[in-house]
Amino acid sequence: MSDKHALHYLLLLLGLSIFGFFFVYFRYDQMIQIMISALASIFYVGWGITHHALEGRLTKLIAFEYILFGSLTFLLVFTVLYL
């Protein structure tokens, strides 16, 4: 893995770790957890699309995959928080 890739994945790990920390920190407030999970999903989708665009490998299918996975992850968290 090149240094460029390592930096990209370090940014992803750092960002999702921060969102994870705040998700646990606000464990008693479901609305804030939902907002945090929405922001984390948006961050993930943005990171994935940006990463592939910088690599020159971005296609509509790859963008759709990131949007779909981010949306499904958010919907899963949303559903679990309201059960």
PDB file of N, CA and C in Angstrom:
ATOM      1  N   MET A   1       0.853  -1.171   0.000  1.00  0.00           N
ATOM      2  CA  MET A   1       0.000   0.000   0.000  1.00  0.00           C
ATOM      3  C   MET A   1       0.900   1.235   0.000  1.00  0.00           C
ATOM      4  N   SER A   2       0.610   2.165  -0.888  1.00  0.00           N
ATOM      5  CA  SER A   2       1.430   3.369  -0.977  1.00  0.00           C
ATOM      6  C   SER A   2       1.090   4.321   0.165  1.00  0.00           C
ATOM      7  N   ASP A   3       1.965   5.313   0.338  1.00  0.00           N
ATOM      8  CA  ASP A   3       1.738   6.303   1.392  1.00  0.00           C
ATOM      9  C   ASP A   3       0.444   7.072   1.162  1.00  0.00           C
ATOM     10  N   LYS A   4       0.111   7.292  -0.111  1.00  0.00           N
ATOM     11  CA  LYS A   4      -1.117   8.011  -0.444  1.00  0.00           C
ATOM     12  C   LYS A   4      -2.338   7.214   0.017  1.00  0.00           C
ATOM     13  N   HIS A   5      -2.309   5.909  -0.242  1.00  0.00           N
ATOM     14  CA  HIS A   5      -3.409   5.055   0.202  1.00  0.00           C
ATOM     15  C   HIS A   5      -3.472   5.007   1.723  1.00  0.00           C
ATOM     16  N   ALA A   6      -2.317   4.911   2.350  1.00  0.00           N
ATOM     17  CA  ALA A   6      -2.276   4.855   3.808  1.00  0.00           C
ATOM     18  C   ALA A   6      -2.885   6.115   4.406  1.00  0.00           C
ATOM     19  N   LEU A   7      -2.602   7.267   3.820  1.00  0.00           N
ATOM     20  CA  LEU A   7      -3.170   8.518   4.316  1.00  0.00           C
ATOM     21  C   LEU A   7      -4.681   8.538   4.134  1.00  0.00           C
ATOM     22  N   HIS A   8      -5.158   8.062   2.996  1.00  0.00           N
ATOM     23  CA  HIS A   8      -6.607   8.018   2.745  1.00  0.00           C
ATOM     24  C   HIS A   8      -7.304   7.134   3.776  1.00  0.00           C
ATOM     25  N   TYR A   9      -6.752   5.948   4.001  1.00  0.00           N
ATOM     26  CA  TYR A   9      -7.379   5.018   4.938  1.00  0.00           C
ATOM     27  C   TYR A   9      -7.213   5.468   6.382  1.00  0.00           C
ATOM     28  N   LEU A  10      -6.133   6.165   6.684  1.00  0.00           N
ATOM     29  CA  LEU A  10      -5.969   6.731   8.019  1.00  0.00           C
ATOM     30  C   LEU A  10      -7.033   7.792   8.276  1.00  0.00           C
ATOM     31  N   LEU A  11      -7.316   8.607   7.279  1.00  0.00           N
ATOM     32  CA  LEU A  11      -8.372   9.611   7.399  1.00  0.00           C
ATOM     33  C   LEU A  11      -9.731   8.941   7.616  1.00  0.00           C
ATOM     34  N   LEU A  12     -10.001   7.873   6.887  1.00  0.00           N
ATOM     35  CA  LEU A  12     -11.254   7.134   7.069  1.00  0.00           C
ATOM     36  C   LEU A  12     -11.336   6.550   8.476  1.00  0.00           C
ATOM     37  N   LEU A  13     -10.275   5.913   8.928  1.00  0.00           N
ATOM     38  CA  LEU A  13     -10.251   5.319  10.259  1.00  0.00           C
ATOM     39  C   LEU A  13     -10.425   6.378  11.340  1.00  0.00           C
ATOM     40  N   LEU A  14      -9.738   7.489  11.193  1.00  0.00           N
ATOM     41  CA  LEU A  14      -9.845   8.573  12.167  1.00  0.00           C
ATOM     42  C   LEU A  14     -11.263   9.144  12.195  1.00  0.00           C
ATOM     43  N   GLY A  15     -11.822   9.410  11.029  1.00  0.00           N
ATOM     44  CA  GLY A  15     -13.169   9.972  10.963  1.00  0.00           C
ATOM     45  C   GLY A  15     -14.209   9.053  11.562  1.00  0.00           C
ATOM     46  N   LEU A  16     -14.180   7.779  11.184  1.00  0.00           N
ATOM     47  CA  LEU A  16     -15.166   6.842  11.719  1.00  0.00           C
ATOM     48  C   LEU A  16     -14.950   6.582  13.205  1.00  0.00           C
ATOM     49  N   SER A  17     -13.700   6.648  13.669  1.00  0.00           N
ATOM     50  CA  SER A  17     -13.429   6.503  15.101  1.00  0.00           C
ATOM     51  C   SER A  17     -14.018   7.663  15.892  1.00  0.00           C
ATOM     52  N   ILE A  18     -13.902   8.864  15.355  1.00  0.00           N
ATOM     53  CA  ILE A  18     -14.480  10.035  16.020  1.00  0.00           C
ATOM     54  C   ILE A  18     -15.997   9.910  16.080  1.00  0.00           C
ATOM     55  N   PHE A  19     -16.610   9.511  14.963  1.00  0.00           N
ATOM     56  CA  PHE A  19     -18.060   9.312  14.971  1.00  0.00           C
ATOM     57  C   PHE A  19     -18.447   8.204  15.949  1.00  0.00           C
ATOM     58  N   GLY A  20     -17.669   7.141  16.009  1.00  0.00           N
ATOM     59  CA  GLY A  20     -17.933   6.052  16.951  1.00  0.00           C
ATOM     60  C   GLY A  20     -17.836   6.510  18.391  1.00  0.00           C
ATOM     61  N   PHE A  21     -16.826   7.332  18.689  1.00  0.00           N
ATOM     62  CA  PHE A  21     -16.680   7.867  20.040  1.00  0.00           C
ATOM     63  C   PHE A  21     -17.907   8.678  20.433  1.00  0.00           C
ATOM     64  N   PHE A  22     -18.342   9.581  19.555  1.00  0.00           N
ATOM     65  CA  PHE A  22     -19.505  10.407  19.871  1.00  0.00           C
ATOM     66  C   PHE A  22     -20.788   9.585  19.943  1.00  0.00           C
ATOM     67  N   PHE A  23     -20.878   8.531  19.154  1.00  0.00           N
ATOM     68  CA  PHE A  23     -22.050   7.656  19.211  1.00  0.00           C
ATOM     69  C   PHE A  23     -22.156   7.014  20.597  1.00  0.00           C
ATOM     70  N   VAL A  24     -21.026   6.559  21.138  1.00  0.00           N
ATOM     71  CA  VAL A  24     -21.018   5.956  22.474  1.00  0.00           C
ATOM     72  C   VAL A  24     -21.197   7.032  23.543  1.00  0.00           C
ATOM     73  N   TYR A  25     -20.579   8.182  23.364  1.00  0.00           N
ATOM     74  CA  TYR A  25     -20.666   9.274  24.337  1.00  0.00           C
ATOM     75  C   TYR A  25     -22.116   9.726  24.529  1.00  0.00           C
ATOM     76  N   PHE A  26     -22.884   9.775  23.462  1.00  0.00           N
ATOM     77  CA  PHE A  26     -24.284  10.195  23.529  1.00  0.00           C
ATOM     78  C   PHE A  26     -25.223   8.985  23.516  1.00  0.00           C
ATOM     79  N   ARG A  27     -24.832   7.913  24.194  1.00  0.00           N
ATOM     80  CA  ARG A  27     -25.608   6.669  24.146  1.00  0.00           C
ATOM     81  C   ARG A  27     -27.002   6.788  24.748  1.00  0.00           C
ATOM     82  N   TYR A  28     -27.275   7.809  25.537  1.00  0.00           N
ATOM     83  CA  TYR A  28     -28.594   7.960  26.147  1.00  0.00           C
ATOM     84  C   TYR A  28     -29.499   8.910  25.368  1.00  0.00           C
ATOM     85  N   ASP A  29     -29.022   9.461  24.277  1.00  0.00           N
ATOM     86  CA  ASP A  29     -29.821  10.391  23.472  1.00  0.00           C
ATOM     87  C   ASP A  29     -29.949   9.837  22.053  1.00  0.00           C
ATOM     88  N   GLN A  30     -31.100   9.223  21.769  1.00  0.00           N
ATOM     89  CA  GLN A  30     -31.281   8.555  20.483  1.00  0.00           C
ATOM     90  C   GLN A  30     -31.272   9.518  19.305  1.00  0.00           C
ATOM     91  N   MET A  31     -31.826  10.704  19.475  1.00  0.00           N
ATOM     92  CA  MET A  31     -31.860  11.651  18.355  1.00  0.00           C
ATOM     93  C   MET A  31     -30.451  12.073  17.943  1.00  0.00           C
ATOM     94  N   ILE A  32     -29.603  12.324  18.918  1.00  0.00           N
ATOM     95  CA  ILE A  32     -28.223  12.697  18.597  1.00  0.00           C
ATOM     96  C   ILE A  32     -27.499  11.511  17.962  1.00  0.00           C
ATOM     97  N   GLN A  33     -27.766  10.300  18.444  1.00  0.00           N
ATOM     98  CA  GLN A  33     -27.153   9.123  17.835  1.00  0.00           C
ATOM     99  C   GLN A  33     -27.578   8.967  16.378  1.00  0.00           C
ATOM    100  N   ILE A  34     -28.826   9.261  16.092  1.00  0.00           N
ATOM    101  CA  ILE A  34     -29.298   9.182  14.707  1.00  0.00           C
ATOM    102  C   ILE A  34     -28.596  10.230  13.855  1.00  0.00           C
ATOM    103  N   MET A  35     -28.453  11.444  14.385  1.00  0.00           N
ATOM    104  CA  MET A  35     -27.740  12.487  13.636  1.00  0.00           C
ATOM    105  C   MET A  35     -26.283  12.097  13.415  1.00  0.00           C
ATOM    106  N   ILE A  36     -25.653  11.530  14.437  1.00  0.00           N
ATOM    107  CA  ILE A  36     -24.257  11.100  14.314  1.00  0.00           C
ATOM    108  C   ILE A  36     -24.130  10.000  13.266  1.00  0.00           C
ATOM    109  N   SER A  37     -25.054   9.043  13.282  1.00  0.00           N
ATOM    110  CA  SER A  37     -24.973   7.967  12.290  1.00  0.00           C
ATOM    111  C   SER A  37     -25.241   8.488  10.881  1.00  0.00           C
ATOM    112  N   ALA A  38     -26.122   9.478  10.744  1.00  0.00           N
ATOM    113  CA  ALA A  38     -26.357  10.083   9.427  1.00  0.00           C
ATOM    114  C   ALA A  38     -25.097  10.802   8.945  1.00  0.00           C
ATOM    115  N   LEU A  39     -24.476  11.559   9.838  1.00  0.00           N
ATOM    116  CA  LEU A  39     -23.244  12.264   9.466  1.00  0.00           C
ATOM    117  C   LEU A  39     -22.119  11.283   9.140  1.00  0.00           C
ATOM    118  N   ALA A  40     -22.032  10.195   9.901  1.00  0.00           N
ATOM    119  CA  ALA A  40     -21.006   9.186   9.631  1.00  0.00           C
ATOM    120  C   ALA A  40     -21.239   8.536   8.268  1.00  0.00           C
ATOM    121  N   SER A  41     -22.484   8.276   7.933  1.00  0.00           N
ATOM    122  CA  SER A  41     -22.794   7.689   6.627  1.00  0.00           C
ATOM    123  C   SER A  41     -22.449   8.655   5.498  1.00  0.00           C
ATOM    124  N   ILE A  42     -22.781   9.923   5.690  1.00  0.00           N
ATOM    125  CA  ILE A  42     -22.444  10.942   4.686  1.00  0.00           C
ATOM    126  C   ILE A  42     -20.928  11.057   4.538  1.00  0.00           C
ATOM    127  N   PHE A  43     -20.224  11.028   5.668  1.00  0.00           N
ATOM    128  CA  PHE A  43     -18.764  11.075   5.637  1.00  0.00           C
ATOM    129  C   PHE A  43     -18.204   9.883   4.859  1.00  0.00           C
ATOM    130  N   TYR A  44     -18.725   8.692   5.125  1.00  0.00           N
ATOM    131  CA  TYR A  44     -18.252   7.482   4.452  1.00  0.00           C
ATOM    132  C   TYR A  44     -18.494   7.554   2.948  1.00  0.00           C
ATOM    133  N   VAL A  45     -19.680   7.982   2.569  1.00  0.00           N
ATOM    134  CA  VAL A  45     -20.000   8.106   1.139  1.00  0.00           C
ATOM    135  C   VAL A  45     -19.087   9.143   0.490  1.00  0.00           C
ATOM    136  N   GLY A  46     -18.923  10.285   1.146  1.00  0.00           N
ATOM    137  CA  GLY A  46     -18.048  11.327   0.615  1.00  0.00           C
ATOM    138  C   GLY A  46     -16.609  10.867   0.512  1.00  0.00           C
ATOM    139  N   TRP A  47     -16.150  10.149   1.541  1.00  0.00           N
ATOM    140  CA  TRP A  47     -14.784   9.642   1.511  1.00  0.00           C
ATOM    141  C   TRP A  47     -14.597   8.665   0.360  1.00  0.00           C
ATOM    142  N   GLY A  48     -15.521   7.735   0.203  1.00  0.00           N
ATOM    143  CA  GLY A  48     -15.392   6.722  -0.844  1.00  0.00           C
ATOM    144  C   GLY A  48     -15.382   7.322  -2.236  1.00  0.00           C
ATOM    145  N   ILE A  49     -16.290   8.248  -2.472  1.00  0.00           N
ATOM    146  CA  ILE A  49     -16.353   8.880  -3.792  1.00  0.00           C
ATOM    147  C   ILE A  49     -15.102   9.714  -4.046  1.00  0.00           C
ATOM    148  N   THR A  50     -14.666  10.463  -3.039  1.00  0.00           N
ATOM    149  CA  THR A  50     -13.455  11.276  -3.181  1.00  0.00           C
ATOM    150  C   THR A  50     -12.228  10.397  -3.400  1.00  0.00           C
ATOM    151  N   HIS A  51     -12.127   9.325  -2.633  1.00  0.00           N
ATOM    152  CA  HIS A  51     -10.982   8.417  -2.760  1.00  0.00           C
ATOM    153  C   HIS A  51     -10.882   7.857  -4.177  1.00  0.00           C
ATOM    154  N   HIS A  52     -11.983   7.380  -4.693  1.00  0.00           N
ATOM    155  CA  HIS A  52     -11.954   6.800  -6.039  1.00  0.00           C
ATOM    156  C   HIS A  52     -11.766   7.872  -7.117  1.00  0.00           C
ATOM    157  N   ALA A  53     -12.281   9.068  -6.879  1.00  0.00           N
ATOM    158  CA  ALA A  53     -12.075  10.155  -7.844  1.00  0.00           C
ATOM    159  C   ALA A  53     -10.597  10.538  -7.901  1.00  0.00           C
ATOM    160  N   LEU A  54      -9.940  10.601  -6.749  1.00  0.00           N
ATOM    161  CA  LEU A  54      -8.516  10.929  -6.723  1.00  0.00           C
ATOM    162  C   LEU A  54      -7.680   9.834  -7.380  1.00  0.00           C
ATOM    163  N   GLU A  55      -8.136   8.605  -7.290  1.00  0.00           N
ATOM    164  CA  GLU A  55      -7.437   7.489  -7.922  1.00  0.00           C
ATOM    165  C   GLU A  55      -7.731   7.399  -9.412  1.00  0.00           C
ATOM    166  N   GLY A  56      -8.742   8.111  -9.876  1.00  0.00           N
ATOM    167  CA  GLY A  56      -9.119   8.053 -11.280  1.00  0.00           C
ATOM    168  C   GLY A  56      -9.928   6.819 -11.628  1.00  0.00           C
ATOM    169  N   ARG A  57     -10.540   6.193 -10.620  1.00  0.00           N
ATOM    170  CA  ARG A  57     -11.294   4.964 -10.837  1.00  0.00           C
ATOM    171  C   ARG A  57     -12.779   5.120 -10.538  1.00  0.00           C
ATOM    172  N   LEU A  58     -13.248   6.335 -10.401  1.00  0.00           N
ATOM    173  CA  LEU A  58     -14.645   6.553 -10.031  1.00  0.00           C
ATOM    174  C   LEU A  58     -15.562   6.297 -11.220  1.00  0.00           C
ATOM    175  N   THR A  59     -16.530   5.433 -10.999  1.00  0.00           N
ATOM    176  CA  THR A  59     -17.573   5.179 -11.990  1.00  0.00           C
ATOM    177  C   THR A  59     -18.922   5.365 -11.303  1.00  0.00           C
ATOM    178  N   LYS A  60     -19.968   5.395 -12.093  1.00  0.00           N
ATOM    179  CA  LYS A  60     -21.310   5.517 -11.516  1.00  0.00           C
ATOM    180  C   LYS A  60     -21.628   4.329 -10.615  1.00  0.00           C
ATOM    181  N   LEU A  61     -21.168   3.164 -10.998  1.00  0.00           N
ATOM    182  CA  LEU A  61     -21.427   1.965 -10.207  1.00  0.00           C
ATOM    183  C   LEU A  61     -20.738   2.034  -8.840  1.00  0.00           C
ATOM    184  N   ILE A  62     -19.509   2.511  -8.811  1.00  0.00           N
ATOM    185  CA  ILE A  62     -18.788   2.639  -7.541  1.00  0.00           C
ATOM    186  C   ILE A  62     -19.468   3.676  -6.659  1.00  0.00           C
ATOM    187  N   ALA A  63     -19.850   4.815  -7.235  1.00  0.00           N
ATOM    188  CA  ALA A  63     -20.556   5.841  -6.464  1.00  0.00           C
ATOM    189  C   ALA A  63     -21.872   5.289  -5.929  1.00  0.00           C
ATOM    190  N   PHE A  64     -22.610   4.562  -6.768  1.00  0.00           N
ATOM    191  CA  PHE A  64     -23.873   3.961  -6.341  1.00  0.00           C
ATOM    192  C   PHE A  64     -23.649   2.974  -5.200  1.00  0.00           C
ATOM    193  N   GLU A  65     -22.568   2.207  -5.282  1.00  0.00           N
ATOM    194  CA  GLU A  65     -22.252   1.233  -4.232  1.00  0.00           C
ATOM    195  C   GLU A  65     -22.018   1.932  -2.893  1.00  0.00           C
ATOM    196  N   TYR A  66     -21.242   2.998  -2.891  1.00  0.00           N
ATOM    197  CA  TYR A  66     -20.998   3.731  -1.647  1.00  0.00           C
ATOM    198  C   TYR A  66     -22.279   4.368  -1.115  1.00  0.00           C
ATOM    199  N   ILE A  67     -23.081   4.944  -1.993  1.00  0.00           N
ATOM    200  CA  ILE A  67     -24.343   5.553  -1.568  1.00  0.00           C
ATOM    201  C   ILE A  67     -25.279   4.486  -1.000  1.00  0.00           C
ATOM    202  N   LEU A  68     -25.359   3.346  -1.657  1.00  0.00           N
ATOM    203  CA  LEU A  68     -26.227   2.265  -1.197  1.00  0.00           C
ATOM    204  C   LEU A  68     -25.765   1.725   0.149  1.00  0.00           C
ATOM    205  N   PHE A  69     -24.475   1.459   0.288  1.00  0.00           N
ATOM    206  CA  PHE A  69     -23.956   0.914   1.543  1.00  0.00           C
ATOM    207  C   PHE A  69     -24.115   1.917   2.688  1.00  0.00           C
ATOM    208  N   GLY A  70     -23.840   3.196   2.422  1.00  0.00           N
ATOM    209  CA  GLY A  70     -24.023   4.221   3.448  1.00  0.00           C
ATOM    210  C   GLY A  70     -25.473   4.349   3.865  1.00  0.00           C
ATOM    211  N   SER A  71     -26.380   4.301   2.899  1.00  0.00           N
ATOM    212  CA  SER A  71     -27.814   4.401   3.196  1.00  0.00           C
ATOM    213  C   SER A  71     -28.304   3.197   3.987  1.00  0.00           C
ATOM    214  N   LEU A  72     -27.897   2.010   3.576  1.00  0.00           N
ATOM    215  CA  LEU A  72     -28.322   0.803   4.288  1.00  0.00           C
ATOM    216  C   LEU A  72     -27.777   0.764   5.711  1.00  0.00           C
ATOM    217  N   THR A  73     -26.545   1.200   5.886  1.00  0.00           N
ATOM    218  CA  THR A  73     -25.969   1.251   7.226  1.00  0.00           C
ATOM    219  C   THR A  73     -26.741   2.223   8.103  1.00  0.00           C
ATOM    220  N   PHE A  74     -27.057   3.399   7.560  1.00  0.00           N
ATOM    221  CA  PHE A  74     -27.840   4.367   8.323  1.00  0.00           C
ATOM    222  C   PHE A  74     -29.217   3.809   8.669  1.00  0.00           C
ATOM    223  N   LEU A  75     -29.883   3.187   7.704  1.00  0.00           N
ATOM    224  CA  LEU A  75     -31.210   2.628   7.963  1.00  0.00           C
ATOM    225  C   LEU A  75     -31.161   1.512   9.000  1.00  0.00           C
ATOM    226  N   LEU A  76     -30.111   0.718   8.999  1.00  0.00           N
ATOM    227  CA  LEU A  76     -29.954  -0.327  10.000  1.00  0.00           C
ATOM    228  C   LEU A  76     -29.821   0.278  11.395  1.00  0.00           C
ATOM    229  N   VAL A  77     -28.959   1.269  11.541  1.00  0.00           N
ATOM    230  CA  VAL A  77     -28.782   1.927  12.839  1.00  0.00           C
ATOM    231  C   VAL A  77     -30.076   2.610  13.266  1.00  0.00           C
ATOM    232  N   PHE A  78     -30.733   3.287  12.337  1.00  0.00           N
ATOM    233  CA  PHE A  78     -31.996   3.965  12.622  1.00  0.00           C
ATOM    234  C   PHE A  78     -33.042   2.969  13.124  1.00  0.00           C
ATOM    235  N   THR A  79     -33.143   1.823  12.457  1.00  0.00           N
ATOM    236  CA  THR A  79     -34.116   0.802  12.849  1.00  0.00           C
ATOM    237  C   THR A  79     -33.793   0.225  14.221  1.00  0.00           C
ATOM    238  N   VAL A  80     -32.535  -0.062  14.476  1.00  0.00           N
ATOM    239  CA  VAL A  80     -32.139  -0.639  15.757  1.00  0.00           C
ATOM    240  C   VAL A  80     -32.404   0.338  16.898  1.00  0.00           C
ATOM    241  N   LEU A  81     -32.181   1.614  16.681  1.00  0.00           N
ATOM    242  CA  LEU A  81     -32.395   2.593  17.744  1.00  0.00           C
ATOM    243  C   LEU A  81     -33.866   2.781  18.082  1.00  0.00           C
ATOM    244  N   TYR A  82     -34.752   2.477  17.163  1.00  0.00           N
ATOM    245  CA  TYR A  82     -36.176   2.675  17.422  1.00  0.00           C
ATOM    246  C   TYR A  82     -36.922   1.391  17.754  1.00  0.00           C
ATOM    247  N   LEU A  83     -36.240   0.282  17.971  1.00  0.00           N
ATOM    248  CA  LEU A  83     -36.909  -0.950  18.397  1.00  0.00           C
ATOM    249  C   LEU A  83     -37.002  -1.033  19.886  1.00  0.00           C
TER     250      LEU A  83
END
